[in-house]
């Protein structure tokens, strides 16, 4: 049985090793290694010359096969596009990562056009580092992580607000996940109205997260936004939203919510924001920068920091579950 796989393999890391380990199930392995010209088109960061990448790959495979006491044959072939020799190979299977599985699907379509039988697609989970981001050659080269995914530098959060309760909520939540981190708080525009409702709240959080990320060299951009959400015919709930942006993807989470008392909602209808309404009712200046409306209305039982902490942790759930490969059996 023969299999194929491909890549640039600039710095061989845990994600690559998962591909190689899957290949151990086959007698012959053919590897497409991107040429320098193709790698230059597809990679935004510096990479080693083809000859060096090929030699490193040969040494890695030889060491792995020796450790596995395997006599399997492997061949490395230069490729100049994302499909390489795959559309016409006589192999039985193609090994890909879960994020490049779509390429295997496209290859099988080309094979069908060429009257070739489809390759069996073997998809292996993407490898994640301790910071819940994908292990990549670029991040290894930047000195942020090791090839095995260990974090080497403090994680940097760019927080799109100067609100102290949001910064405190982020810091408290982040301590539950990370040992070493820093928070850069900066003022950015949310691009929405002073008192957002429903979907506008989500967009504001995303805008804050992206604006903060692009204004810094942080690992994550964080956007908090509190809004009023309609629950049923006459119920309106105050909920905090958190958006986390890593330069590629956005993940969202929200806090506990509470039903707005009729008197408060009545004042909101007068085109005021919740902060102004609560300042008027409580006599507390800048209540949104302190313990928030929830603290006053719950008689001290809850506070805004808790809401922001919950929203951030919930926004991390998609990243945590993906990195732990929770759904691998489904």
Protein backbone atom coordinates (compact mmCIF):
# COMPACT_ATOMS: atom_id res chain seq x y z
CA UNK A 1 0.00 0.00 0.00
CA UNK A 2 1.26 3.46 -0.95
CA UNK A 3 0.45 6.90 0.46
CA UNK A 4 1.28 10.48 -0.41
CA UNK A 5 1.51 13.72 1.55
CA UNK A 6 2.99 17.15 0.98
CA UNK A 7 4.12 20.42 2.46
CA UNK A 8 6.85 23.05 2.74
CA UNK A 9 8.33 21.55 5.93
CA UNK A 10 10.29 24.70 6.67
CA UNK A 11 10.67 23.79 10.35
CA UNK A 12 9.46 20.29 11.16
CA UNK A 13 7.06 20.40 14.10
CA UNK A 14 4.44 18.35 15.92
CA UNK A 15 1.85 18.93 13.20
CA UNK A 16 4.18 17.41 10.61
CA UNK A 17 5.05 14.51 12.89
CA UNK A 18 1.36 13.58 13.06
CA UNK A 19 1.34 13.25 9.26
CA UNK A 20 4.47 11.11 9.30
CA UNK A 21 3.14 8.85 12.05
CA UNK A 22 -0.03 8.25 10.05
CA UNK A 23 2.15 7.30 7.08
CA UNK A 24 3.71 4.45 9.09
CA UNK A 25 0.64 2.38 8.25
CA UNK A 26 1.81 2.19 4.61
CA UNK A 27 4.60 0.30 2.87
CA UNK A 28 5.67 3.15 0.59
CA UNK A 29 5.52 6.88 1.21
CA UNK A 30 5.84 9.60 -1.41
CA UNK A 31 6.25 13.17 -0.17
CA UNK A 32 5.73 16.30 -2.21
CA UNK A 33 8.09 19.05 -1.06
CA UNK A 34 7.32 22.56 -2.30
CA UNK A 35 9.89 24.22 -4.53
CA UNK A 36 11.44 27.52 -3.52
CA UNK A 37 9.45 29.38 -6.18
CA UNK A 38 6.11 27.91 -5.02
CA UNK A 39 6.94 28.40 -1.33
CA UNK A 40 7.69 32.04 -2.07
CA UNK A 41 4.19 32.44 -3.52
CA UNK A 42 2.39 30.79 -0.62
CA UNK A 43 4.45 31.78 2.44
CA UNK A 44 4.66 35.29 3.88
CA UNK A 45 7.68 34.50 6.07
CA UNK A 46 11.31 33.51 5.29
CA UNK A 47 11.94 29.82 4.60
CA UNK A 48 15.00 27.63 4.14
CA UNK A 49 16.21 26.69 0.62
CA UNK A 50 14.77 23.53 -0.92
CA UNK A 51 18.00 21.54 -0.52
CA UNK A 52 18.15 22.25 3.22
CA UNK A 53 14.45 21.49 3.75
CA UNK A 54 14.83 18.23 1.83
CA UNK A 55 17.87 17.19 3.87
CA UNK A 56 16.13 17.96 7.17
CA UNK A 57 13.10 16.00 6.04
CA UNK A 58 15.23 13.01 5.07
CA UNK A 59 16.99 13.02 8.44
CA UNK A 60 13.69 13.33 10.34
CA UNK A 61 12.03 10.47 8.46
CA UNK A 62 15.08 8.24 8.74
CA UNK A 63 15.24 8.80 12.52
CA UNK A 64 11.52 8.21 12.94
CA UNK A 65 11.53 5.00 10.90
CA UNK A 66 14.58 3.73 12.76
CA UNK A 67 12.87 4.36 16.10
CA UNK A 68 9.77 2.53 14.85
CA UNK A 69 12.00 -0.29 13.58
CA UNK A 70 10.50 0.21 10.15
CA UNK A 71 12.06 -0.54 6.76
CA UNK A 72 9.47 1.51 4.85
CA UNK A 73 10.58 3.28 1.71
CA UNK A 74 10.06 6.99 1.21
CA UNK A 75 10.63 9.28 -1.74
CA UNK A 76 10.74 13.08 -1.77
CA UNK A 77 9.58 14.84 -4.94
CA UNK A 78 9.68 18.55 -5.71
CA UNK A 79 6.27 20.10 -6.42
CA UNK A 80 5.46 23.49 -7.93
CA UNK A 81 1.77 23.87 -7.04
CA UNK A 82 -0.65 22.76 -4.31
CA UNK A 83 -1.64 19.57 -6.13
CA UNK A 84 1.76 18.40 -7.38
CA UNK A 85 1.77 14.84 -8.65
CA UNK A 86 -1.33 13.86 -6.64
CA UNK A 87 -3.90 13.97 -9.49
CA UNK A 88 -2.03 11.27 -11.43
CA UNK A 89 -0.24 9.19 -8.83
CA UNK A 90 -0.81 5.45 -8.46
CA UNK A 91 -0.96 5.75 -4.65
CA UNK A 92 -3.78 4.38 -2.51
CA UNK A 93 -4.19 7.18 0.03
CA UNK A 94 -3.42 10.81 0.76
CA UNK A 95 -2.60 12.05 4.26
CA UNK A 96 -3.59 15.61 5.13
CA UNK A 97 -4.25 17.75 8.18
CA UNK A 98 -7.83 18.57 9.05
CA UNK A 99 -7.37 22.15 7.83
CA UNK A 100 -6.11 21.07 4.36
CA UNK A 101 -8.63 18.27 3.85
CA UNK A 102 -10.37 20.41 1.22
CA UNK A 103 -7.27 20.10 -0.97
CA UNK A 104 -7.61 16.30 -0.91
CA UNK A 105 -11.23 16.64 -1.98
CA UNK A 106 -10.18 18.84 -4.91
CA UNK A 107 -7.44 16.36 -5.84
CA UNK A 108 -9.95 13.52 -5.99
CA UNK A 109 -12.13 15.60 -8.31
CA UNK A 110 -9.14 16.03 -10.62
CA UNK A 111 -8.42 12.31 -10.43
CA UNK A 112 -11.98 11.55 -11.45
CA UNK A 113 -11.54 13.84 -14.45
CA UNK A 114 -8.32 11.93 -15.29
CA UNK A 115 -10.16 8.57 -14.94
CA UNK A 116 -8.19 7.69 -11.82
CA UNK A 117 -9.67 6.05 -8.75
CA UNK A 118 -10.06 8.40 -5.77
CA UNK A 119 -7.48 8.37 -3.04
CA UNK A 120 -8.48 7.31 0.44
CA UNK A 121 -8.31 10.55 2.45
CA UNK A 122 -6.71 10.24 5.88
CA UNK A 123 -7.17 13.42 7.89
CA UNK A 124 -5.13 13.99 11.06
CA UNK A 125 -5.95 16.67 13.66
CA UNK A 126 -4.12 19.97 13.56
CA UNK A 127 -1.54 20.33 16.35
CA UNK A 128 -2.04 23.19 18.80
CA UNK A 129 0.39 24.88 21.16
CA UNK A 130 -0.09 25.68 24.84
CA UNK A 131 -1.62 29.03 23.87
CA UNK A 132 -4.46 27.29 21.98
CA UNK A 133 -3.17 28.47 18.60
CA UNK A 134 -1.91 26.27 15.79
CA UNK A 135 1.71 25.21 15.82
CA UNK A 136 3.36 26.78 12.78
CA UNK A 137 6.84 27.26 11.38
CA UNK A 138 6.31 31.01 11.45
CA UNK A 139 5.56 31.11 15.19
CA UNK A 140 8.48 28.78 15.91
CA UNK A 141 10.79 31.05 13.90
CA UNK A 142 9.50 34.07 15.86
CA UNK A 143 10.56 32.34 19.07
CA UNK A 144 7.05 32.22 20.52
CA UNK A 145 6.75 28.43 20.74
CA UNK A 146 8.83 25.27 20.38
CA UNK A 147 8.29 22.68 17.65
CA UNK A 148 6.30 20.69 20.23
CA UNK A 149 4.07 23.67 21.06
CA UNK A 150 5.51 24.83 24.38
CA UNK A 151 5.02 28.56 24.87
CA UNK A 152 8.33 30.45 25.20
CA UNK A 153 7.18 34.09 25.48
CA UNK A 154 4.41 35.73 27.51
CA UNK A 155 1.06 35.73 25.72
CA UNK A 156 0.07 39.28 24.83
CA UNK A 157 -3.57 40.36 24.86
CA UNK A 158 -4.51 43.63 23.16
CA UNK A 159 -7.64 44.81 24.96
CA UNK A 160 -9.77 47.24 22.98
CA UNK A 161 -10.87 49.42 25.90
CA UNK A 162 -9.46 51.35 28.85
CA UNK A 163 -12.34 50.26 31.10
CA UNK A 164 -10.71 48.89 34.28
CA UNK A 165 -13.50 46.39 35.03
CA UNK A 166 -12.98 44.79 31.63
CA UNK A 167 -9.21 44.65 32.11
CA UNK A 168 -9.64 43.12 35.56
CA UNK A 169 -12.13 40.56 34.24
CA UNK A 170 -9.74 39.58 31.44
CA UNK A 171 -6.78 39.25 33.81
CA UNK A 172 -8.70 37.12 36.30
CA UNK A 173 -9.99 34.82 33.56
CA UNK A 174 -6.65 34.56 31.77
CA UNK A 175 -4.98 33.37 34.99
CA UNK A 176 -7.14 30.24 34.81
CA UNK A 177 -5.67 29.33 31.42
CA UNK A 178 -2.18 30.80 31.14
CA UNK A 179 0.83 31.06 33.42
CA UNK A 180 2.49 34.02 31.76
CA UNK A 181 0.68 36.83 29.95
CA UNK A 182 0.45 40.59 29.56
CA UNK A 183 -2.50 42.85 28.79
CA UNK A 184 -2.13 45.95 26.63
CA UNK A 185 -5.20 48.12 27.07
CA UNK A 186 -5.83 50.73 24.38
CA UNK A 187 -8.67 52.97 23.30
CA UNK A 188 -10.34 51.89 20.05
CA UNK A 189 -13.67 52.65 18.43
CA UNK A 190 -16.42 50.04 18.50
CA UNK A 191 -18.07 51.54 15.44
CA UNK A 192 -21.53 51.17 16.98
CA UNK A 193 -24.01 53.28 18.93
CA UNK A 194 -23.53 54.26 22.57
CA UNK A 195 -26.17 51.74 23.66
CA UNK A 196 -26.11 48.70 21.39
CA UNK A 197 -28.95 46.23 21.09
CA UNK A 198 -28.82 42.59 19.95
CA UNK A 199 -26.58 41.90 16.91
CA UNK A 200 -25.02 45.36 17.07
CA UNK A 201 -23.42 44.31 20.36
CA UNK A 202 -21.70 41.37 18.67
CA UNK A 203 -20.38 43.56 15.86
CA UNK A 204 -19.02 46.06 18.37
CA UNK A 205 -17.09 43.37 20.23
CA UNK A 206 -15.62 42.02 16.99
CA UNK A 207 -14.62 45.49 15.80
CA UNK A 208 -12.89 46.21 19.11
CA UNK A 209 -11.01 42.90 19.02
CA UNK A 210 -9.77 43.36 15.45
CA UNK A 211 -8.87 47.03 15.93
CA UNK A 212 -6.85 46.23 19.06
CA UNK A 213 -5.10 43.32 17.35
CA UNK A 214 -4.04 45.29 14.29
CA UNK A 215 -2.87 48.24 16.41
CA UNK A 216 -0.34 46.07 18.27
CA UNK A 217 1.84 43.00 17.87
CA UNK A 218 -0.32 41.00 20.28
CA UNK A 219 -1.22 37.32 20.07
CA UNK A 220 -4.91 38.00 20.66
CA UNK A 221 -7.12 41.03 20.20
CA UNK A 222 -9.89 41.18 22.82
CA UNK A 223 -13.15 43.07 22.44
CA UNK A 224 -15.76 43.42 25.18
CA UNK A 225 -19.16 44.96 24.52
CA UNK A 226 -22.21 45.08 26.75
CA UNK A 227 -25.62 45.23 25.14
CA UNK A 228 -29.34 44.76 25.62
CA UNK A 229 -30.87 41.61 24.14
CA UNK A 230 -34.55 40.91 23.62
CA UNK A 231 -35.73 37.72 25.32
CA UNK A 232 -39.36 37.07 24.51
CA UNK A 233 -42.04 39.68 23.94
CA UNK A 234 -41.33 42.15 26.74
CA UNK A 235 -38.13 40.98 28.42
CA UNK A 236 -34.80 42.72 27.80
CA UNK A 237 -31.56 41.32 29.22
CA UNK A 238 -28.20 42.96 29.83
CA UNK A 239 -25.41 40.64 28.56
CA UNK A 240 -21.65 41.14 28.07
CA UNK A 241 -20.08 39.86 24.85
CA UNK A 242 -16.42 39.01 24.27
CA UNK A 243 -14.72 38.57 20.89
CA UNK A 244 -11.24 37.06 20.58
CA UNK A 245 -9.28 37.57 17.34
CA UNK A 246 -5.95 35.88 16.56
CA UNK A 247 -5.31 37.34 13.12
CA UNK A 248 -7.29 34.58 11.39
CA UNK A 249 -10.39 33.61 13.32
CA UNK A 250 -12.86 35.19 15.72
CA UNK A 251 -14.36 33.27 18.64
CA UNK A 252 -17.26 34.63 20.67
CA UNK A 253 -18.59 34.17 24.18
CA UNK A 254 -21.10 35.83 26.44
CA UNK A 255 -21.65 36.27 30.14
CA UNK A 256 -24.58 35.62 32.39
CA UNK A 257 -27.42 38.01 31.70
CA UNK A 258 -30.12 39.58 33.81
CA UNK A 259 -33.57 40.90 33.05
CA UNK A 260 -33.77 44.67 33.04
CA UNK A 261 -36.24 46.03 35.61
CA UNK A 262 -39.18 47.74 33.88
CA UNK A 263 -38.24 51.14 35.30
CA UNK A 264 -34.71 50.90 33.88
CA UNK A 265 -35.89 49.76 30.49
CA UNK A 266 -38.44 52.55 30.45
CA UNK A 267 -35.65 55.11 30.87
CA UNK A 268 -33.61 53.39 28.13
CA UNK A 269 -36.50 53.97 25.74
CA UNK A 270 -35.86 57.67 26.23
CA UNK A 271 -32.76 57.18 24.05
CA UNK A 272 -30.31 56.99 26.91
CA UNK A 273 -27.54 54.41 27.34
CA UNK A 274 -27.61 52.05 30.31
CA UNK A 275 -24.58 53.67 31.91
CA UNK A 276 -26.23 57.08 32.00
CA UNK A 277 -29.49 55.62 33.30
CA UNK A 278 -27.71 53.75 36.10
CA UNK A 279 -25.65 56.80 37.05
CA UNK A 280 -28.87 58.73 37.38
CA UNK A 281 -30.56 56.02 39.47
CA UNK A 282 -27.60 55.09 41.67
CA UNK A 283 -25.79 58.37 41.97
CA UNK A 284 -22.53 56.54 41.13
CA UNK A 285 -20.39 58.38 38.58
CA UNK A 286 -19.03 56.22 35.73
CA UNK A 287 -20.72 53.13 37.14
CA UNK A 288 -19.85 51.18 33.98
CA UNK A 289 -16.15 51.65 34.76
CA UNK A 290 -16.65 50.31 38.27
CA UNK A 291 -18.81 47.38 39.37
CA UNK A 292 -21.56 48.09 36.90
CA UNK A 293 -25.34 48.12 36.82
CA UNK A 294 -25.48 44.45 37.82
CA UNK A 295 -23.76 45.23 41.13
CA UNK A 296 -26.22 47.98 42.02
CA UNK A 297 -29.33 46.07 40.88
CA UNK A 298 -28.27 42.83 42.62
CA UNK A 299 -27.51 44.68 45.89
CA UNK A 300 -23.83 43.70 45.64
CA UNK A 301 -24.37 40.03 44.83
CA UNK A 302 -22.72 40.22 41.37
CA UNK A 303 -20.52 42.67 39.49
CA UNK A 304 -19.39 43.65 35.98
CA UNK A 305 -15.96 42.06 36.39
CA UNK A 306 -17.63 38.65 36.79
CA UNK A 307 -19.56 39.18 33.57
CA UNK A 308 -16.41 40.05 31.63
CA UNK A 309 -14.55 37.10 33.12
CA UNK A 310 -17.32 34.72 32.07
CA UNK A 311 -17.57 36.22 28.58
CA UNK A 312 -13.83 35.77 27.94
CA UNK A 313 -13.76 32.18 29.19
CA UNK A 314 -16.79 31.30 27.07
CA UNK A 315 -15.11 32.89 24.03
CA UNK A 316 -12.12 30.60 24.66
CA UNK A 317 -14.25 27.43 24.60
CA UNK A 318 -14.13 26.94 20.78
CA UNK A 319 -10.35 27.28 20.90
CA UNK A 320 -9.94 24.93 23.86
CA UNK A 321 -12.21 22.24 22.42
CA UNK A 322 -10.51 22.43 19.01
CA UNK A 323 -7.00 22.20 20.49
CA UNK A 324 -7.97 19.22 22.65
CA UNK A 325 -9.51 17.52 19.59
CA UNK A 326 -12.66 16.83 21.58
CA UNK A 327 -14.70 15.94 18.50
CA UNK A 328 -12.26 13.47 16.93
CA UNK A 329 -14.64 10.53 17.37
CA UNK A 330 -17.67 12.22 15.78
